[in-house]
PDB file of N, CA and C in Angstrom:
ATOM      1  N   MET A   1     111.597  45.805  95.855  1.00  0.00           N
ATOM      2  CA  MET A   1     111.548  47.490  95.366  1.00  0.00           C
ATOM      3  C   MET A   1     110.190  47.709  94.033  1.00  0.00           C
ATOM      4  N   THR A   2     109.247  48.770  94.554  1.00  0.00           N
ATOM      5  CA  THR A   2     108.352  48.623  93.674  1.00  0.00           C
ATOM      6  C   THR A   2     108.475  50.015  92.463  1.00  0.00           C
ATOM      7  N   GLU A   3     107.473  49.849  91.441  1.00  0.00           N
ATOM      8  CA  GLU A   3     108.246  50.461  90.767  1.00  0.00           C
ATOM      9  C   GLU A   3     108.101  51.855  90.124  1.00  0.00           C
ATOM     10  N   ARG A   4     107.855  52.807  91.609  1.00  0.00           N
ATOM     11  CA  ARG A   4     108.009  54.179  91.897  1.00  0.00           C
ATOM     12  C   ARG A   4     109.382  54.013  91.866  1.00  0.00           C
ATOM     13  N   PRO A   5     110.213  53.571  93.101  1.00  0.00           N
ATOM     14  CA  PRO A   5     111.613  53.785  93.015  1.00  0.00           C
ATOM     15  C   PRO A   5     112.651  53.431  91.690  1.00  0.00           C
ATOM     16  N   LEU A   6     111.965  52.150  91.660  1.00  0.00           N
ATOM     17  CA  LEU A   6     112.805  51.689  90.385  1.00  0.00           C
ATOM     18  C   LEU A   6     112.638  53.592  89.221  1.00  0.00           C
ATOM     19  N   ALA A   7     111.565  54.390  89.119  1.00  0.00           N
ATOM     20  CA  ALA A   7     111.292  55.386  88.461  1.00  0.00           C
ATOM     21  C   ALA A   7     112.304  56.476  88.765  1.00  0.00           C
ATOM     22  N   HIS A   8     112.316  56.544  89.578  1.00  0.00           N
ATOM     23  CA  HIS A   8     113.488  57.551  90.369  1.00  0.00           C
ATOM     24  C   HIS A   8     114.816  57.070  90.190  1.00  0.00           C
ATOM     25  N   LEU A   9     115.622  55.810  90.304  1.00  0.00           N
ATOM     26  CA  LEU A   9     116.612  55.611  89.823  1.00  0.00           C
ATOM     27  C   LEU A   9     116.948  55.991  88.433  1.00  0.00           C
ATOM     28  N   ALA A  10     116.095  55.709  87.824  1.00  0.00           N
ATOM     29  CA  ALA A  10     116.185  55.869  86.047  1.00  0.00           C
ATOM     30  C   ALA A  10     115.698  57.412  85.920  1.00  0.00           C
ATOM     31  N   VAL A  11     114.947  58.322  86.876  1.00  0.00           N
ATOM     32  CA  VAL A  11     115.515  59.702  86.581  1.00  0.00           C
ATOM     33  C   VAL A  11     116.992  60.251  87.054  1.00  0.00           C
ATOM     34  N   PHE A  12     117.328  59.859  88.103  1.00  0.00           N
ATOM     35  CA  PHE A  12     117.973  60.029  88.451  1.00  0.00           C
ATOM     36  C   PHE A  12     119.594  59.625  87.595  1.00  0.00           C
ATOM     37  N   GLU A  13     119.155  58.544  86.733  1.00  0.00           N
ATOM     38  CA  GLU A  13     120.092  58.510  85.999  1.00  0.00           C
ATOM     39  C   GLU A  13     120.666  59.182  84.776  1.00  0.00           C
ATOM     40  N   LYS A  14     119.329  59.700  84.015  1.00  0.00           N
ATOM     41  CA  LYS A  14     118.720  60.409  83.194  1.00  0.00           C
ATOM     42  C   LYS A  14     119.691  62.003  83.682  1.00  0.00           C
ATOM     43  N   ARG A  15     118.881  62.077  84.733  1.00  0.00           N
ATOM     44  CA  ARG A  15     119.744  63.595  84.967  1.00  0.00           C
ATOM     45  C   ARG A  15     121.005  64.133  85.678  1.00  0.00           C
ATOM     46  N   CYS A  16     121.975  62.908  86.123  1.00  0.00           N
ATOM     47  CA  CYS A  16     123.116  62.820  86.305  1.00  0.00           C
ATOM     48  C   CYS A  16     124.249  63.232  84.660  1.00  0.00           C
ATOM     49  N   GLY A  17     123.516  62.799  83.409  1.00  0.00           N
ATOM     50  CA  GLY A  17     123.812  62.363  82.278  1.00  0.00           C
ATOM     51  C   GLY A  17     125.388  62.653  82.513  1.00  0.00           C
ATOM     52  N   ASP A  18     126.012  62.861  83.368  1.00  0.00           N
ATOM     53  CA  ASP A  18     127.324  62.752  83.381  1.00  0.00           C
ATOM     54  C   ASP A  18     128.056  61.397  83.292  1.00  0.00           C
ATOM     55  N   VAL A  19     129.101  60.822  82.272  1.00  0.00           N
ATOM     56  CA  VAL A  19     128.831  59.375  82.311  1.00  0.00           C
ATOM     57  C   VAL A  19     129.630  58.976  83.174  1.00  0.00           C
ATOM     58  N   ASP A  20     130.723  59.184  84.511  1.00  0.00           N
ATOM     59  CA  ASP A  20     131.116  58.628  84.884  1.00  0.00           C
ATOM     60  C   ASP A  20     130.412  58.810  86.637  1.00  0.00           C
ATOM     61  N   PHE A  21     128.879  59.624  86.462  1.00  0.00           N
ATOM     62  CA  PHE A  21     128.686  59.620  87.896  1.00  0.00           C
ATOM     63  C   PHE A  21     128.311  58.447  88.621  1.00  0.00           C
ATOM     64  N   PRO A  22     128.192  57.166  88.314  1.00  0.00           N
ATOM     65  CA  PRO A  22     127.839  55.718  89.015  1.00  0.00           C
ATOM     66  C   PRO A  22     129.406  55.996  89.620  1.00  0.00           C
ATOM     67  N   GLN A  23     130.218  56.260  88.936  1.00  0.00           N
ATOM     68  CA  GLN A  23     131.846  56.167  90.193  1.00  0.00           C
ATOM     69  C   GLN A  23     132.026  57.143  91.509  1.00  0.00           C
ATOM     70  N   ARG A  24     130.695  58.230  91.290  1.00  0.00           N
ATOM     71  CA  ARG A  24     130.365  59.337  92.519  1.00  0.00           C
ATOM     72  C   ARG A  24     129.221  58.749  93.254  1.00  0.00           C
ATOM     73  N   THR A  25     128.478  57.821  93.327  1.00  0.00           N
ATOM     74  CA  THR A  25     126.961  57.700  93.853  1.00  0.00           C
ATOM     75  C   THR A  25     127.302  56.555  94.675  1.00  0.00           C
ATOM     76  N   LEU A  26     127.002  56.625  95.735  1.00  0.00           N
ATOM     77  CA  LEU A  26     126.452  55.945  97.151  1.00  0.00           C
ATOM     78  C   LEU A  26     125.251  55.651  97.152  1.00  0.00           C
ATOM     79  N   LEU A  27     125.266  53.546  97.366  1.00  0.00           N
ATOM     80  CA  LEU A  27     123.565  53.283  97.179  1.00  0.00           C
ATOM     81  C   LEU A  27     123.863  53.253  98.802  1.00  0.00           C
ATOM     82  N   VAL A  28     122.836  53.179  99.285  1.00  0.00           N
ATOM     83  CA  VAL A  28     122.568  52.957 100.699  1.00  0.00           C
ATOM     84  C   VAL A  28     121.140  52.126 101.396  1.00  0.00           C
ATOM     85  N   THR A  29     122.364  51.599 101.742  1.00  0.00           N
ATOM     86  CA  THR A  29     120.368  50.293 102.013  1.00  0.00           C
ATOM     87  C   THR A  29     119.856  50.420 103.767  1.00  0.00           C
ATOM     88  N   THR A  30     119.123  51.001 104.214  1.00  0.00           N
ATOM     89  CA  THR A  30     118.053  51.262 105.689  1.00  0.00           C
ATOM     90  C   THR A  30     117.586  50.306 105.925  1.00  0.00           C
ATOM     91  N   MET A  31     116.794  50.802 107.116  1.00  0.00           N
ATOM     92  CA  MET A  31     115.389  49.906 108.304  1.00  0.00           C
ATOM     93  C   MET A  31     116.189  48.217 108.512  1.00  0.00           C
ATOM     94  N   TRP A  32     117.751  48.338 109.042  1.00  0.00           N
ATOM     95  CA  TRP A  32     118.384  47.575 108.998  1.00  0.00           C
ATOM     96  C   TRP A  32     118.275  47.571 111.369  1.00  0.00           C
ATOM     97  N   ARG A  33     117.995  48.385 111.697  1.00  0.00           N
ATOM     98  CA  ARG A  33     117.269  47.831 112.696  1.00  0.00           C
ATOM     99  C   ARG A  33     115.986  47.290 112.994  1.00  0.00           C
ATOM    100  N   SER A  34     115.124  47.353 112.038  1.00  0.00           N
ATOM    101  CA  SER A  34     113.923  46.068 111.843  1.00  0.00           C
ATOM    102  C   SER A  34     113.448  45.179 111.367  1.00  0.00           C
ATOM    103  N   ILE A  35     115.134  44.415 110.958  1.00  0.00           N
ATOM    104  CA  ILE A  35     115.033  43.781 110.193  1.00  0.00           C
ATOM    105  C   ILE A  35     115.976  42.703 110.715  1.00  0.00           C
ATOM    106  N   ASP A  36     116.186  40.880 110.610  1.00  0.00           N
ATOM    107  CA  ASP A  36     117.342  40.264 111.868  1.00  0.00           C
ATOM    108  C   ASP A  36     118.451  40.331 110.468  1.00  0.00           C
ATOM    109  N   GLU A  37     119.241  39.779 110.735  1.00  0.00           N
ATOM    110  CA  GLU A  37     120.853  39.890 109.665  1.00  0.00           C
ATOM    111  C   GLU A  37     120.349  38.988 108.541  1.00  0.00           C
ATOM    112  N   ALA A  38     119.958  37.782 108.782  1.00  0.00           N
ATOM    113  CA  ALA A  38     119.907  37.055 107.671  1.00  0.00           C
ATOM    114  C   ALA A  38     118.841  37.251 106.640  1.00  0.00           C
ATOM    115  N   LYS A  39     117.719  37.548 107.576  1.00  0.00           N
ATOM    116  CA  LYS A  39     116.657  38.143 106.440  1.00  0.00           C
ATOM    117  C   LYS A  39     117.316  39.378 105.320  1.00  0.00           C
ATOM    118  N   GLY A  40     117.399  40.555 106.349  1.00  0.00           N
ATOM    119  CA  GLY A  40     118.290  41.545 105.524  1.00  0.00           C
ATOM    120  C   GLY A  40     119.596  41.059 104.923  1.00  0.00           C
ATOM    121  N   SER A  41     120.137  40.381 104.656  1.00  0.00           N
ATOM    122  CA  SER A  41     120.930  40.072 104.134  1.00  0.00           C
ATOM    123  C   SER A  41     120.895  39.699 102.381  1.00  0.00           C
ATOM    124  N   ARG A  42     119.619  39.071 103.081  1.00  0.00           N
ATOM    125  CA  ARG A  42     119.104  37.916 101.588  1.00  0.00           C
ATOM    126  C   ARG A  42     118.346  39.726 100.618  1.00  0.00           C
ATOM    127  N   ARG A  43     117.904  40.309 101.679  1.00  0.00           N
ATOM    128  CA  ARG A  43     117.083  41.164 100.862  1.00  0.00           C
ATOM    129  C   ARG A  43     118.066  42.229 100.027  1.00  0.00           C
ATOM    130  N   GLU A  44     119.007  42.844 101.219  1.00  0.00           N
ATOM    131  CA  GLU A  44     120.127  43.094 100.706  1.00  0.00           C
ATOM    132  C   GLU A  44     120.684  42.952  98.898  1.00  0.00           C
ATOM    133  N   GLU A  45     121.280  41.660  99.387  1.00  0.00           N
ATOM    134  CA  GLU A  45     121.798  41.409  98.247  1.00  0.00           C
ATOM    135  C   GLU A  45     120.697  41.263  96.816  1.00  0.00           C
ATOM    136  N   GLU A  46     119.383  40.997  97.108  1.00  0.00           N
ATOM    137  CA  GLU A  46     118.317  40.803  96.058  1.00  0.00           C
ATOM    138  C   GLU A  46     118.410  42.435  95.406  1.00  0.00           C
ATOM    139  N   ILE A  47     118.607  43.327  96.200  1.00  0.00           N
ATOM    140  CA  ILE A  47     118.508  44.552  95.773  1.00  0.00           C
ATOM    141  C   ILE A  47     119.929  44.532  94.946  1.00  0.00           C
ATOM    142  N   ARG A  48     121.012  44.246  95.077  1.00  0.00           N
ATOM    143  CA  ARG A  48     122.335  44.671  94.300  1.00  0.00           C
ATOM    144  C   ARG A  48     122.475  44.306  93.176  1.00  0.00           C
ATOM    145  N   ARG A  49     121.387  42.345  93.228  1.00  0.00           N
ATOM    146  CA  ARG A  49     121.821  42.264  91.944  1.00  0.00           C
ATOM    147  C   ARG A  49     120.431  42.203  91.186  1.00  0.00           C
ATOM    148  N   LYS A  50     118.895  42.727  91.747  1.00  0.00           N
ATOM    149  CA  LYS A  50     117.564  43.148  90.755  1.00  0.00           C
ATOM    150  C   LYS A  50     117.631  44.721  90.356  1.00  0.00           C
ATOM    151  N   TYR A  51     118.146  45.289  91.284  1.00  0.00           N
ATOM    152  CA  TYR A  51     117.707  46.847  90.694  1.00  0.00           C
ATOM    153  C   TYR A  51     119.150  47.770  90.741  1.00  0.00           C
ATOM    154  N   TRP A  52     120.284  47.446  91.450  1.00  0.00           N
ATOM    155  CA  TRP A  52     121.540  48.174  91.680  1.00  0.00           C
ATOM    156  C   TRP A  52     122.628  47.622  90.595  1.00  0.00           C
ATOM    157  N   SER A  53     122.794  46.444  89.755  1.00  0.00           N
ATOM    158  CA  SER A  53     123.544  45.901  89.776  1.00  0.00           C
ATOM    159  C   SER A  53     124.205  46.645  88.143  1.00  0.00           C
ATOM    160  N   SER A  54     123.335  47.431  87.958  1.00  0.00           N
ATOM    161  CA  SER A  54     124.014  47.718  86.754  1.00  0.00           C
ATOM    162  C   SER A  54     124.388  49.081  87.127  1.00  0.00           C
ATOM    163  N   MET A  55     124.615  50.076  88.247  1.00  0.00           N
ATOM    164  CA  MET A  55     124.828  51.447  88.789  1.00  0.00           C
ATOM    165  C   MET A  55     126.152  50.420  89.488  1.00  0.00           C
ATOM    166  N   MET A  56     126.087  49.412  90.243  1.00  0.00           N
ATOM    167  CA  MET A  56     127.635  48.906  90.339  1.00  0.00           C
ATOM    168  C   MET A  56     128.375  48.818  89.332  1.00  0.00           C
ATOM    169  N   ALA A  57     128.296  47.970  88.583  1.00  0.00           N
ATOM    170  CA  ALA A  57     128.957  47.525  87.597  1.00  0.00           C
ATOM    171  C   ALA A  57     130.189  48.583  87.071  1.00  0.00           C
ATOM    172  N   LEU A  58     128.898  49.868  87.165  1.00  0.00           N
ATOM    173  CA  LEU A  58     129.787  51.695  86.696  1.00  0.00           C
ATOM    174  C   LEU A  58     130.432  51.645  87.344  1.00  0.00           C
ATOM    175  N   GLY A  59     130.422  50.938  88.816  1.00  0.00           N
ATOM    176  CA  GLY A  59     131.568  51.567  89.968  1.00  0.00           C
ATOM    177  C   GLY A  59     130.965  52.205  90.796  1.00  0.00           C
ATOM    178  N   SER A  60     129.732  52.488  91.340  1.00  0.00           N
ATOM    179  CA  SER A  60     129.040  52.986  92.185  1.00  0.00           C
ATOM    180  C   SER A  60     129.610  51.928  93.380  1.00  0.00           C
ATOM    181  N   ARG A  61     128.899  51.629  94.395  1.00  0.00           N
ATOM    182  CA  ARG A  61     129.205  51.256  95.678  1.00  0.00           C
ATOM    183  C   ARG A  61     128.056  51.361  96.467  1.00  0.00           C
ATOM    184  N   MET A  62     127.928  50.227  97.336  1.00  0.00           N
ATOM    185  CA  MET A  62     126.936  49.905  98.276  1.00  0.00           C
ATOM    186  C   MET A  62     127.063  50.181  99.811  1.00  0.00           C
ATOM    187  N   VAL A  63     126.354  50.661 100.911  1.00  0.00           N
ATOM    188  CA  VAL A  63     126.415  50.731 101.981  1.00  0.00           C
ATOM    189  C   VAL A  63     125.696  50.562 102.965  1.00  0.00           C
ATOM    190  N   ARG A  64     125.979  49.908 104.038  1.00  0.00           N
ATOM    191  CA  ARG A  64     124.613  50.365 104.921  1.00  0.00           C
ATOM    192  C   ARG A  64     124.193  50.709 105.697  1.00  0.00           C
ATOM    193  N   PHE A  65     123.299  51.534 106.006  1.00  0.00           N
ATOM    194  CA  PHE A  65     122.964  52.438 107.335  1.00  0.00           C
ATOM    195  C   PHE A  65     122.976  51.597 108.412  1.00  0.00           C
ATOM    196  N   GLU A  66     123.500  51.298 108.909  1.00  0.00           N
ATOM    197  CA  GLU A  66     122.076  50.428 110.154  1.00  0.00           C
ATOM    198  C   GLU A  66     121.647  51.332 111.318  1.00  0.00           C
ATOM    199  N   ASP A  67     121.837  52.446 111.368  1.00  0.00           N
ATOM    200  CA  ASP A  67     120.616  52.816 112.179  1.00  0.00           C
ATOM    201  C   ASP A  67     120.704  52.849 114.206  1.00  0.00           C
ATOM    202  N   LYS A  68     121.653  52.716 113.962  1.00  0.00           N
ATOM    203  CA  LYS A  68     121.954  52.192 115.825  1.00  0.00           C
ATOM    204  C   LYS A  68     121.914  52.807 117.093  1.00  0.00           C
ATOM    205  N   GLY A  69     121.174  54.383 116.472  1.00  0.00           N
ATOM    206  CA  GLY A  69     121.292  55.160 117.231  1.00  0.00           C
ATOM    207  C   GLY A  69     122.210  56.218 117.654  1.00  0.00           C
ATOM    208  N   ASP A  70     123.618  55.406 116.765  1.00  0.00           N
ATOM    209  CA  ASP A  70     124.654  56.591 116.775  1.00  0.00           C
ATOM    210  C   ASP A  70     125.505  57.049 115.323  1.00  0.00           C
ATOM    211  N   TYR A  71     126.429  57.782 115.591  1.00  0.00           N
ATOM    212  CA  TYR A  71     126.793  57.996 114.282  1.00  0.00           C
ATOM    213  C   TYR A  71     127.548  57.444 112.911  1.00  0.00           C
ATOM    214  N   VAL A  72     127.854  56.000 114.051  1.00  0.00           N
ATOM    215  CA  VAL A  72     129.299  55.093 113.344  1.00  0.00           C
ATOM    216  C   VAL A  72     128.963  54.970 112.033  1.00  0.00           C
ATOM    217  N   SER A  73     126.994  54.717 111.347  1.00  0.00           N
ATOM    218  CA  SER A  73     126.994  54.308 110.023  1.00  0.00           C
ATOM    219  C   SER A  73     126.859  55.640 108.741  1.00  0.00           C
ATOM    220  N   ALA A  74     126.900  56.443 109.502  1.00  0.00           N
ATOM    221  CA  ALA A  74     126.777  57.486 108.829  1.00  0.00           C
ATOM    222  C   ALA A  74     128.482  58.218 108.560  1.00  0.00           C
ATOM    223  N   TRP A  75     129.449  57.977 109.425  1.00  0.00           N
ATOM    224  CA  TRP A  75     130.661  58.296 108.862  1.00  0.00           C
ATOM    225  C   TRP A  75     131.127  57.360 108.128  1.00  0.00           C
ATOM    226  N   ARG A  76     130.915  55.834 108.353  1.00  0.00           N
ATOM    227  CA  ARG A  76     131.426  55.142 107.502  1.00  0.00           C
ATOM    228  C   ARG A  76     131.169  55.601 105.582  1.00  0.00           C
ATOM    229  N   ALA A  77     129.571  55.793 105.754  1.00  0.00           N
ATOM    230  CA  ALA A  77     129.199  55.861 104.813  1.00  0.00           C
ATOM    231  C   ALA A  77     130.283  57.743 103.951  1.00  0.00           C
ATOM    232  N   VAL A  78     130.461  58.320 105.217  1.00  0.00           N
ATOM    233  CA  VAL A  78     130.784  59.463 104.496  1.00  0.00           C
ATOM    234  C   VAL A  78     132.686  59.050 103.937  1.00  0.00           C
ATOM    235  N   ASP A  79     133.398  58.179 104.553  1.00  0.00           N
ATOM    236  CA  ASP A  79     134.337  57.357 104.956  1.00  0.00           C
ATOM    237  C   ASP A  79     134.630  57.145 102.873  1.00  0.00           C
ATOM    238  N   VAL A  80     133.708  56.227 102.544  1.00  0.00           N
ATOM    239  CA  VAL A  80     133.129  55.520 101.329  1.00  0.00           C
ATOM    240  C   VAL A  80     133.202  56.734 100.556  1.00  0.00           C
ATOM    241  N   LEU A  81     132.431  57.879 100.657  1.00  0.00           N
ATOM    242  CA  LEU A  81     132.204  58.497 100.099  1.00  0.00           C
ATOM    243  C   LEU A  81     133.763  59.293  99.608  1.00  0.00           C
ATOM    244  N   LEU A  82     134.294  59.415 100.163  1.00  0.00           N
ATOM    245  CA  LEU A  82     135.755  60.313 100.508  1.00  0.00           C
ATOM    246  C   LEU A  82     136.966  59.616  99.634  1.00  0.00           C
ATOM    247  N   GLU A  83     136.376  58.181 100.155  1.00  0.00           N
ATOM    248  CA  GLU A  83     137.058  57.091  99.206  1.00  0.00           C
ATOM    249  C   GLU A  83     136.812  56.943  97.676  1.00  0.00           C
ATOM    250  N   MET A  84     136.113  57.089  97.362  1.00  0.00           N
ATOM    251  CA  MET A  84     135.382  57.282  96.071  1.00  0.00           C
ATOM    252  C   MET A  84     135.919  58.733  95.094  1.00  0.00           C
ATOM    253  N   GLY A  85     135.977  59.667  96.321  1.00  0.00           N
ATOM    254  CA  GLY A  85     136.421  60.911  95.301  1.00  0.00           C
ATOM    255  C   GLY A  85     137.960  61.091  95.033  1.00  0.00           C
ATOM    256  N   LYS A  86     138.869  60.033  94.914  1.00  0.00           N
ATOM    257  CA  LYS A  86     140.250  60.275  95.340  1.00  0.00           C
ATOM    258  C   LYS A  86     140.882  59.909  93.849  1.00  0.00           C
TER     259      LYS A  86
END
Protein backbone atom coordinates (compact mmCIF):
# COMPACT_ATOMS: atom_id res chain seq x y z
CA MET A 1 0.00 0.00 0.00
CA THR A 2 1.31 3.42 -0.85
CA GLU A 3 1.12 6.60 1.19
CA ARG A 4 -2.08 7.69 -0.56
CA PRO A 5 -4.23 4.71 0.52
CA LEU A 6 -2.78 4.98 4.03
CA ALA A 7 -3.83 8.62 4.11
CA HIS A 8 -7.32 7.60 3.00
CA LEU A 9 -7.52 5.06 5.80
CA ALA A 10 -6.48 7.73 8.32
CA VAL A 11 -9.17 10.08 6.98
CA PHE A 12 -11.72 7.26 7.18
CA GLU A 13 -10.84 6.59 10.81
CA LYS A 14 -10.97 10.31 11.64
CA ARG A 15 -14.29 10.90 9.84
CA CYS A 16 -16.07 8.02 11.52
CA GLY A 17 -15.32 9.35 14.96
CA ASP A 18 -17.65 6.75 16.46
CA VAL A 19 -15.75 4.57 18.90
CA ASP A 20 -17.25 1.31 17.64
CA PHE A 21 -16.99 1.98 13.89
CA PRO A 22 -14.22 -0.61 13.42
CA GLN A 23 -16.63 -3.33 14.57
CA ARG A 24 -18.89 -2.32 11.68
CA THR A 25 -16.14 -2.07 9.05
CA LEU A 26 -15.43 -4.75 6.47
CA LEU A 27 -12.02 -4.60 4.82
CA VAL A 28 -12.07 -6.20 1.36
CA THR A 29 -9.16 -7.37 -0.76
CA THR A 30 -9.53 -7.38 -4.54
CA MET A 31 -7.58 -8.27 -7.69
CA TRP A 32 -7.62 -12.01 -6.97
CA ARG A 33 -8.19 -12.83 -10.60
CA SER A 34 -4.85 -11.28 -11.56
CA ILE A 35 -2.58 -13.03 -9.03
CA ASP A 36 -1.79 -16.63 -8.12
CA GLU A 37 -3.08 -17.94 -4.79
CA ALA A 38 0.30 -18.25 -3.01
CA LYS A 39 1.47 -14.77 -3.91
CA GLY A 40 -1.95 -13.31 -3.16
CA SER A 41 -2.06 -14.97 0.25
CA ARG A 42 1.36 -13.56 1.14
CA ARG A 43 0.25 -10.10 0.04
CA GLU A 44 -3.01 -10.43 1.94
CA GLU A 45 -1.11 -11.32 5.12
CA GLU A 46 1.19 -8.33 4.59
CA ILE A 47 -1.81 -6.01 4.23
CA ARG A 48 -3.42 -7.53 7.33
CA ARG A 49 -0.26 -7.18 9.41
CA LYS A 50 1.19 -3.92 8.09
CA TYR A 51 -1.80 -1.75 7.23
CA TRP A 52 -5.02 -3.11 8.71
CA SER A 53 -3.85 -4.58 12.01
CA SER A 54 -5.12 -1.68 14.12
CA MET A 55 -8.57 -1.85 12.53
CA MET A 56 -8.74 -5.63 12.89
CA ALA A 57 -7.61 -5.46 16.52
CA LEU A 58 -10.60 -3.20 17.13
CA GLY A 59 -13.03 -5.62 15.52
CA SER A 60 -12.95 -5.03 11.74
CA ARG A 61 -13.20 -8.11 9.56
CA MET A 62 -11.44 -8.92 6.30
CA VAL A 63 -12.76 -10.83 3.28
CA ARG A 64 -11.67 -11.54 -0.26
CA PHE A 65 -13.59 -10.29 -3.25
CA GLU A 66 -12.38 -12.88 -5.72
CA ASP A 67 -14.17 -11.45 -8.78
CA LYS A 68 -14.64 -14.71 -10.66
CA GLY A 69 -17.35 -13.22 -12.82
CA ASP A 70 -20.13 -14.24 -10.47
CA TYR A 71 -21.79 -12.86 -7.38
CA VAL A 72 -20.52 -15.39 -4.81
CA SER A 73 -17.83 -13.11 -3.32
CA ALA A 74 -20.22 -10.18 -3.14
CA TRP A 75 -22.80 -12.23 -1.24
CA ARG A 76 -20.08 -13.57 1.05
CA ALA A 77 -19.18 -9.97 1.94
CA VAL A 78 -22.85 -9.13 2.51
CA ASP A 79 -23.21 -12.17 4.78
CA VAL A 80 -20.22 -11.04 6.85
CA LEU A 81 -21.66 -7.50 7.11
CA LEU A 82 -24.99 -8.90 8.29
CA GLU A 83 -23.21 -11.07 10.85
CA MET A 84 -21.25 -8.03 12.07
CA GLY A 85 -24.50 -6.12 12.55
CA LYS A 86 -25.89 -8.64 15.05
